[in-house]
């Protein structure tokens, strides 16, 4: 097995160590391997050619970080064809939240999410995907 060196903030490293201890992992490497596998597999089973998806993406970052805000705005404009709307909100006194609503193919949405994840100092990125296939749209709405 190859050895890889990565850089990460100390608090994240501490969280990995605590997670490994609490969940019975043999160490950091096992946690990082499993997390990497999960990241690669997260869109499997959803990739249906030509099928539209709706997605909400939430990015959290520390308050008063104009560089991050500018970077996210740039991404929003770069993906303007799939971003239906976006909004900025404050989460407590310490964090900002950027919420994006997307409509597009699985591939385009995946690319957007990965681009947001790559922004330095974004603390968390979460998303929810809903299929817009014909079967879903033909279902009666509950009353």
N, C-alpha and C. Protein backbone atom coordinates (compact mmCIF):
# COMPACT_ATOMS: atom_id res chain seq x y z
N UNK A 1 0.85 -1.17 0.00
CA UNK A 1 0.00 0.00 0.00
C UNK A 1 0.90 1.24 0.00
N UNK A 2 0.54 2.24 -0.79
CA UNK A 2 1.32 3.47 -0.87
C UNK A 2 1.07 4.35 0.34
N UNK A 3 2.08 5.14 0.70
CA UNK A 3 1.96 6.12 1.78
C UNK A 3 1.82 7.49 1.13
N UNK A 4 0.82 8.25 1.59
CA UNK A 4 0.52 9.56 1.04
C UNK A 4 0.58 10.58 2.17
N UNK A 5 1.17 11.72 1.89
CA UNK A 5 1.23 12.80 2.88
C UNK A 5 0.20 13.86 2.48
N UNK A 6 -0.65 14.27 3.43
CA UNK A 6 -1.63 15.30 3.17
C UNK A 6 -1.54 16.37 4.24
N UNK A 7 -2.02 17.56 3.89
CA UNK A 7 -2.06 18.66 4.85
C UNK A 7 -3.50 18.90 5.25
N UNK A 8 -3.73 19.15 6.54
CA UNK A 8 -5.07 19.49 7.00
C UNK A 8 -4.95 20.28 8.30
N UNK A 9 -5.96 21.08 8.60
CA UNK A 9 -5.92 21.85 9.85
C UNK A 9 -5.90 20.93 11.07
N UNK A 10 -5.23 21.36 12.10
CA UNK A 10 -5.09 20.57 13.33
C UNK A 10 -6.44 20.15 13.92
N UNK A 11 -7.45 21.05 13.96
CA UNK A 11 -8.75 20.62 14.52
C UNK A 11 -9.37 19.46 13.73
N UNK A 12 -9.21 19.46 12.40
CA UNK A 12 -9.75 18.36 11.60
C UNK A 12 -8.99 17.07 11.90
N UNK A 13 -7.69 17.15 12.03
CA UNK A 13 -6.88 15.98 12.36
C UNK A 13 -7.29 15.42 13.73
N UNK A 14 -7.51 16.30 14.69
CA UNK A 14 -7.96 15.85 16.01
C UNK A 14 -9.33 15.17 15.93
N UNK A 15 -10.21 15.71 15.08
CA UNK A 15 -11.53 15.11 14.91
C UNK A 15 -11.42 13.72 14.29
N UNK A 16 -10.50 13.55 13.35
CA UNK A 16 -10.29 12.23 12.73
C UNK A 16 -9.81 11.24 13.79
N UNK A 17 -8.86 11.68 14.62
CA UNK A 17 -8.35 10.80 15.68
C UNK A 17 -9.46 10.39 16.65
N UNK A 18 -10.27 11.36 17.07
CA UNK A 18 -11.37 11.07 17.99
C UNK A 18 -12.38 10.13 17.34
N UNK A 19 -12.69 10.38 16.07
CA UNK A 19 -13.65 9.54 15.35
C UNK A 19 -13.13 8.10 15.27
N UNK A 20 -11.85 7.96 14.95
CA UNK A 20 -11.24 6.62 14.85
C UNK A 20 -11.35 5.89 16.19
N UNK A 21 -11.05 6.57 17.27
CA UNK A 21 -11.12 5.96 18.61
C UNK A 21 -12.55 5.57 18.97
N UNK A 22 -13.49 6.48 18.74
CA UNK A 22 -14.88 6.26 19.13
C UNK A 22 -15.57 5.17 18.31
N UNK A 23 -15.12 4.97 17.07
CA UNK A 23 -15.81 4.04 16.17
C UNK A 23 -15.00 2.79 15.85
N UNK A 24 -13.92 2.57 16.57
CA UNK A 24 -13.16 1.34 16.43
C UNK A 24 -12.30 1.21 15.19
N UNK A 25 -11.93 2.32 14.59
CA UNK A 25 -11.03 2.26 13.45
C UNK A 25 -9.61 2.04 13.95
N UNK A 26 -8.78 1.45 13.09
CA UNK A 26 -7.40 1.17 13.49
C UNK A 26 -6.54 2.43 13.53
N UNK A 27 -6.99 3.48 12.87
CA UNK A 27 -6.23 4.73 12.89
C UNK A 27 -6.72 5.70 11.83
N UNK A 28 -5.98 6.78 11.67
CA UNK A 28 -6.34 7.84 10.73
C UNK A 28 -6.47 7.33 9.30
N UNK A 29 -5.53 6.51 8.90
CA UNK A 29 -5.53 6.03 7.51
C UNK A 29 -6.82 5.33 7.15
N UNK A 30 -7.31 4.51 8.05
CA UNK A 30 -8.55 3.77 7.78
C UNK A 30 -9.73 4.73 7.65
N UNK A 31 -9.77 5.76 8.48
CA UNK A 31 -10.85 6.74 8.40
C UNK A 31 -10.77 7.50 7.07
N UNK A 32 -9.58 7.93 6.70
CA UNK A 32 -9.41 8.69 5.46
C UNK A 32 -9.72 7.81 4.24
N UNK A 33 -9.29 6.56 4.26
CA UNK A 33 -9.61 5.64 3.15
C UNK A 33 -11.11 5.48 2.99
N UNK A 34 -11.81 5.25 4.10
CA UNK A 34 -13.26 5.05 4.02
C UNK A 34 -13.95 6.33 3.56
N UNK A 35 -13.53 7.46 4.07
CA UNK A 35 -14.12 8.73 3.64
C UNK A 35 -13.89 8.98 2.16
N UNK A 36 -12.72 8.63 1.67
CA UNK A 36 -12.41 8.79 0.25
C UNK A 36 -13.29 7.89 -0.60
N UNK A 37 -13.44 6.64 -0.18
CA UNK A 37 -14.31 5.72 -0.91
C UNK A 37 -15.74 6.26 -0.97
N UNK A 38 -16.22 6.76 0.15
CA UNK A 38 -17.59 7.29 0.20
C UNK A 38 -17.74 8.49 -0.73
N UNK A 39 -16.73 9.35 -0.78
CA UNK A 39 -16.78 10.52 -1.65
C UNK A 39 -16.87 10.09 -3.11
N UNK A 40 -16.09 9.09 -3.49
CA UNK A 40 -16.11 8.62 -4.88
C UNK A 40 -17.42 7.92 -5.24
N UNK A 41 -18.06 7.30 -4.27
CA UNK A 41 -19.27 6.52 -4.53
C UNK A 41 -20.56 7.31 -4.38
N UNK A 42 -20.50 8.54 -3.90
CA UNK A 42 -21.73 9.23 -3.50
C UNK A 42 -22.72 9.46 -4.63
N UNK A 43 -22.28 9.53 -5.87
CA UNK A 43 -23.21 9.77 -6.96
C UNK A 43 -23.54 8.50 -7.74
N UNK A 44 -22.94 7.37 -7.38
CA UNK A 44 -23.26 6.13 -8.09
C UNK A 44 -24.74 5.80 -7.92
N UNK A 45 -25.31 5.31 -8.97
CA UNK A 45 -26.72 4.94 -8.91
C UNK A 45 -27.65 6.09 -9.24
N UNK A 46 -27.12 7.30 -9.30
CA UNK A 46 -27.96 8.46 -9.62
C UNK A 46 -27.72 8.96 -11.03
N UNK A 47 -26.69 8.45 -11.68
CA UNK A 47 -26.29 8.99 -12.97
C UNK A 47 -27.11 8.38 -14.10
N UNK A 48 -28.21 8.98 -14.42
CA UNK A 48 -29.06 8.56 -15.51
C UNK A 48 -28.94 9.62 -16.59
N UNK A 49 -28.41 9.19 -17.75
CA UNK A 49 -28.17 10.15 -18.83
C UNK A 49 -29.42 10.96 -19.16
N UNK A 50 -29.25 12.27 -19.20
CA UNK A 50 -30.32 13.16 -19.58
C UNK A 50 -31.36 13.43 -18.50
N UNK A 51 -31.26 12.76 -17.37
CA UNK A 51 -32.24 12.94 -16.30
C UNK A 51 -31.93 14.21 -15.51
N UNK A 52 -32.94 15.02 -15.32
CA UNK A 52 -32.75 16.25 -14.56
C UNK A 52 -32.85 15.98 -13.06
N UNK A 53 -32.08 16.73 -12.31
CA UNK A 53 -32.08 16.65 -10.85
C UNK A 53 -32.27 18.07 -10.30
N UNK A 54 -32.91 18.15 -9.15
CA UNK A 54 -32.94 19.39 -8.37
C UNK A 54 -32.01 19.14 -7.19
N UNK A 55 -31.30 20.16 -6.79
CA UNK A 55 -30.34 19.99 -5.70
C UNK A 55 -30.22 21.28 -4.91
N UNK A 56 -30.16 21.14 -3.59
CA UNK A 56 -29.79 22.27 -2.75
C UNK A 56 -28.39 21.99 -2.22
N UNK A 57 -27.54 23.01 -2.25
CA UNK A 57 -26.17 22.90 -1.77
C UNK A 57 -25.97 24.00 -0.73
N UNK A 58 -25.48 23.61 0.43
CA UNK A 58 -25.22 24.55 1.51
C UNK A 58 -23.73 24.57 1.80
N UNK A 59 -23.14 25.76 1.80
CA UNK A 59 -21.72 25.92 2.13
C UNK A 59 -21.63 26.81 3.37
N UNK A 60 -20.87 26.36 4.36
CA UNK A 60 -20.70 27.11 5.61
C UNK A 60 -19.25 27.58 5.70
N UNK A 61 -19.08 28.85 6.08
CA UNK A 61 -17.73 29.39 6.26
C UNK A 61 -17.76 30.45 7.35
N UNK A 62 -16.58 30.80 7.84
CA UNK A 62 -16.52 31.76 8.93
C UNK A 62 -16.95 33.15 8.47
N UNK A 63 -17.60 33.86 9.38
CA UNK A 63 -18.09 35.22 9.16
C UNK A 63 -16.94 36.15 8.79
N UNK A 64 -17.22 37.14 7.98
CA UNK A 64 -16.25 38.18 7.58
C UNK A 64 -15.07 37.58 6.81
N UNK A 65 -15.37 36.75 5.84
CA UNK A 65 -14.34 36.19 4.96
C UNK A 65 -14.68 36.59 3.52
N UNK A 66 -14.39 37.85 3.14
CA UNK A 66 -14.80 38.32 1.81
C UNK A 66 -14.18 37.52 0.66
N UNK A 67 -13.00 36.96 0.86
CA UNK A 67 -12.37 36.18 -0.20
C UNK A 67 -13.19 34.93 -0.53
N UNK A 68 -13.68 34.26 0.52
CA UNK A 68 -14.52 33.07 0.31
C UNK A 68 -15.82 33.48 -0.37
N UNK A 69 -16.43 34.54 0.11
CA UNK A 69 -17.69 35.03 -0.48
C UNK A 69 -17.50 35.35 -1.96
N UNK A 70 -16.41 36.01 -2.30
CA UNK A 70 -16.13 36.34 -3.71
C UNK A 70 -15.92 35.07 -4.53
N UNK A 71 -15.21 34.11 -3.96
CA UNK A 71 -14.96 32.85 -4.66
C UNK A 71 -16.28 32.13 -4.95
N UNK A 72 -17.16 32.06 -3.96
CA UNK A 72 -18.46 31.40 -4.15
C UNK A 72 -19.33 32.14 -5.16
N UNK A 73 -19.25 33.47 -5.16
CA UNK A 73 -20.00 34.25 -6.15
C UNK A 73 -19.47 33.96 -7.55
N UNK A 74 -18.16 33.83 -7.68
CA UNK A 74 -17.57 33.47 -8.97
C UNK A 74 -18.05 32.11 -9.46
N UNK A 75 -18.12 31.15 -8.54
CA UNK A 75 -18.60 29.81 -8.89
C UNK A 75 -20.07 29.89 -9.31
N UNK A 76 -20.84 30.68 -8.59
CA UNK A 76 -22.27 30.84 -8.92
C UNK A 76 -22.42 31.35 -10.36
N UNK A 77 -21.59 32.31 -10.76
CA UNK A 77 -21.66 32.85 -12.12
C UNK A 77 -21.12 31.85 -13.15
N UNK A 78 -20.09 31.11 -12.78
CA UNK A 78 -19.51 30.11 -13.68
C UNK A 78 -20.54 29.01 -14.02
N UNK A 79 -21.39 28.68 -13.06
CA UNK A 79 -22.40 27.62 -13.24
C UNK A 79 -23.80 28.22 -13.39
N UNK A 80 -23.88 29.38 -13.96
CA UNK A 80 -25.15 30.10 -14.08
C UNK A 80 -26.23 29.30 -14.80
N UNK A 81 -25.84 28.38 -15.67
CA UNK A 81 -26.83 27.60 -16.41
C UNK A 81 -27.57 26.60 -15.53
N UNK A 82 -26.99 26.22 -14.37
CA UNK A 82 -27.69 25.26 -13.50
C UNK A 82 -28.11 25.87 -12.17
N UNK A 83 -27.61 27.06 -11.82
CA UNK A 83 -27.98 27.68 -10.54
C UNK A 83 -29.28 28.45 -10.73
N UNK A 84 -30.34 27.95 -10.10
CA UNK A 84 -31.64 28.63 -10.17
C UNK A 84 -31.66 29.86 -9.28
N UNK A 85 -31.08 29.72 -8.08
CA UNK A 85 -31.03 30.84 -7.14
C UNK A 85 -29.94 30.57 -6.11
N UNK A 86 -29.55 31.62 -5.44
CA UNK A 86 -28.62 31.47 -4.31
C UNK A 86 -28.96 32.54 -3.30
N UNK A 87 -28.61 32.26 -2.06
CA UNK A 87 -28.86 33.24 -1.00
C UNK A 87 -27.77 33.13 0.05
N UNK A 88 -27.56 34.22 0.72
CA UNK A 88 -26.55 34.31 1.77
C UNK A 88 -27.27 34.56 3.10
N UNK A 89 -26.84 33.86 4.13
CA UNK A 89 -27.46 34.06 5.45
C UNK A 89 -26.38 33.95 6.52
N UNK A 90 -26.66 34.51 7.67
CA UNK A 90 -25.74 34.40 8.80
C UNK A 90 -26.25 33.31 9.73
N UNK A 91 -25.33 32.50 10.19
CA UNK A 91 -25.64 31.40 11.11
C UNK A 91 -24.95 31.71 12.43
N UNK A 92 -25.70 32.30 13.33
CA UNK A 92 -25.10 32.74 14.59
C UNK A 92 -24.17 33.91 14.36
N UNK A 93 -23.26 34.12 15.30
CA UNK A 93 -22.33 35.24 15.20
C UNK A 93 -21.04 34.86 14.50
N UNK A 94 -20.83 33.56 14.28
CA UNK A 94 -19.52 33.11 13.80
C UNK A 94 -19.50 32.66 12.34
N UNK A 95 -20.64 32.27 11.78
CA UNK A 95 -20.62 31.66 10.46
C UNK A 95 -21.55 32.33 9.47
N UNK A 96 -21.22 32.14 8.20
CA UNK A 96 -22.08 32.53 7.09
C UNK A 96 -22.47 31.25 6.35
N UNK A 97 -23.62 31.31 5.71
CA UNK A 97 -24.10 30.18 4.93
C UNK A 97 -24.47 30.68 3.54
N UNK A 98 -24.02 29.96 2.55
CA UNK A 98 -24.41 30.23 1.18
C UNK A 98 -25.25 29.04 0.74
N UNK A 99 -26.47 29.30 0.28
CA UNK A 99 -27.39 28.25 -0.16
C UNK A 99 -27.61 28.41 -1.66
N UNK A 100 -27.39 27.33 -2.39
CA UNK A 100 -27.59 27.31 -3.84
C UNK A 100 -28.70 26.32 -4.17
N UNK A 101 -29.57 26.69 -5.10
CA UNK A 101 -30.57 25.77 -5.63
C UNK A 101 -30.20 25.53 -7.08
N UNK A 102 -30.00 24.24 -7.41
CA UNK A 102 -29.53 23.86 -8.74
C UNK A 102 -30.58 23.04 -9.46
N UNK A 103 -30.56 23.11 -10.78
CA UNK A 103 -31.36 22.22 -11.62
C UNK A 103 -30.48 21.86 -12.80
N UNK A 104 -30.19 20.56 -12.94
CA UNK A 104 -29.33 20.13 -14.03
C UNK A 104 -29.10 18.64 -14.00
N UNK A 105 -28.17 18.20 -14.82
CA UNK A 105 -27.84 16.78 -14.87
C UNK A 105 -26.99 16.42 -13.66
N UNK A 106 -26.94 15.14 -13.37
CA UNK A 106 -26.14 14.65 -12.25
C UNK A 106 -24.68 15.07 -12.42
N UNK A 107 -24.18 14.96 -13.63
CA UNK A 107 -22.78 15.32 -13.89
C UNK A 107 -22.51 16.79 -13.58
N UNK A 108 -23.38 17.68 -14.04
CA UNK A 108 -23.20 19.12 -13.81
C UNK A 108 -23.30 19.45 -12.32
N UNK A 109 -24.26 18.84 -11.64
CA UNK A 109 -24.43 19.08 -10.21
C UNK A 109 -23.22 18.57 -9.43
N UNK A 110 -22.74 17.40 -9.79
CA UNK A 110 -21.56 16.83 -9.13
C UNK A 110 -20.35 17.74 -9.30
N UNK A 111 -20.18 18.26 -10.50
CA UNK A 111 -19.07 19.17 -10.78
C UNK A 111 -19.18 20.44 -9.93
N UNK A 112 -20.39 20.98 -9.83
CA UNK A 112 -20.61 22.18 -9.01
C UNK A 112 -20.24 21.91 -7.55
N UNK A 113 -20.75 20.80 -7.00
CA UNK A 113 -20.48 20.47 -5.60
C UNK A 113 -18.98 20.31 -5.36
N UNK A 114 -18.31 19.63 -6.25
CA UNK A 114 -16.87 19.43 -6.09
C UNK A 114 -16.10 20.75 -6.18
N UNK A 115 -16.57 21.66 -7.02
CA UNK A 115 -15.93 22.97 -7.13
C UNK A 115 -16.10 23.76 -5.84
N UNK A 116 -17.29 23.71 -5.25
CA UNK A 116 -17.54 24.40 -3.98
C UNK A 116 -16.70 23.77 -2.87
N UNK A 117 -16.62 22.44 -2.85
CA UNK A 117 -15.81 21.75 -1.84
C UNK A 117 -14.34 22.15 -1.90
N UNK A 118 -13.87 22.51 -3.09
CA UNK A 118 -12.46 22.84 -3.27
C UNK A 118 -12.11 24.26 -2.83
N UNK A 119 -13.10 25.07 -2.47
CA UNK A 119 -12.84 26.45 -2.03
C UNK A 119 -12.12 26.40 -0.67
N UNK A 120 -10.94 27.01 -0.59
CA UNK A 120 -10.23 27.00 0.69
C UNK A 120 -11.05 27.66 1.80
N UNK A 121 -10.98 27.08 2.98
CA UNK A 121 -11.59 27.59 4.20
C UNK A 121 -13.11 27.48 4.26
N UNK A 122 -13.74 26.80 3.30
CA UNK A 122 -15.15 26.47 3.45
C UNK A 122 -15.20 25.33 4.45
N UNK A 123 -15.92 25.51 5.55
CA UNK A 123 -15.92 24.53 6.64
C UNK A 123 -16.75 23.29 6.36
N UNK A 124 -17.87 23.46 5.66
CA UNK A 124 -18.75 22.32 5.39
C UNK A 124 -19.52 22.57 4.11
N UNK A 125 -19.75 21.49 3.38
CA UNK A 125 -20.61 21.52 2.19
C UNK A 125 -21.56 20.34 2.32
N UNK A 126 -22.85 20.63 2.25
CA UNK A 126 -23.86 19.59 2.34
C UNK A 126 -24.82 19.79 1.17
N UNK A 127 -25.49 18.72 0.77
CA UNK A 127 -26.40 18.83 -0.36
C UNK A 127 -27.50 17.79 -0.26
N UNK A 128 -28.57 18.06 -1.01
CA UNK A 128 -29.69 17.12 -1.11
C UNK A 128 -30.13 17.12 -2.57
N UNK A 129 -30.24 15.93 -3.16
CA UNK A 129 -30.60 15.80 -4.57
C UNK A 129 -31.97 15.14 -4.69
N UNK A 130 -32.80 15.67 -5.56
CA UNK A 130 -34.11 15.10 -5.85
C UNK A 130 -34.25 14.94 -7.35
N UNK A 131 -34.66 13.75 -7.77
CA UNK A 131 -34.81 13.46 -9.20
C UNK A 131 -36.04 14.15 -9.77
N UNK A 132 -35.91 14.60 -11.00
CA UNK A 132 -37.06 15.18 -11.71
C UNK A 132 -37.45 14.29 -12.87
N UNK A 133 -37.34 12.96 -12.69
CA UNK A 133 -37.70 12.07 -13.79
C UNK A 133 -39.21 12.07 -14.01
N UNK A 134 -39.62 11.56 -15.16
CA UNK A 134 -41.04 11.58 -15.53
C UNK A 134 -41.92 10.85 -14.52
N UNK A 135 -41.44 9.75 -13.96
CA UNK A 135 -42.25 8.99 -13.00
C UNK A 135 -42.59 9.84 -11.78
N UNK A 136 -41.63 10.63 -11.31
CA UNK A 136 -41.86 11.48 -10.16
C UNK A 136 -42.86 12.58 -10.49
N UNK A 137 -42.73 13.16 -11.67
CA UNK A 137 -43.59 14.28 -12.04
C UNK A 137 -45.02 13.83 -12.34
N UNK A 138 -45.20 12.56 -12.69
CA UNK A 138 -46.54 12.06 -12.99
C UNK A 138 -47.32 11.66 -11.75
N UNK A 139 -46.69 11.59 -10.60
CA UNK A 139 -47.35 11.17 -9.38
C UNK A 139 -48.28 12.28 -8.88
N UNK A 140 -49.46 11.90 -8.39
CA UNK A 140 -50.34 12.93 -7.82
C UNK A 140 -49.74 13.50 -6.55
N UNK A 141 -49.97 14.76 -6.32
CA UNK A 141 -49.47 15.38 -5.11
C UNK A 141 -50.37 15.02 -3.95
N UNK A 142 -49.77 14.73 -2.78
CA UNK A 142 -50.60 14.39 -1.62
C UNK A 142 -51.41 15.59 -1.17
N UNK A 143 -52.62 15.35 -0.70
CA UNK A 143 -53.45 16.48 -0.24
C UNK A 143 -53.56 16.50 1.26
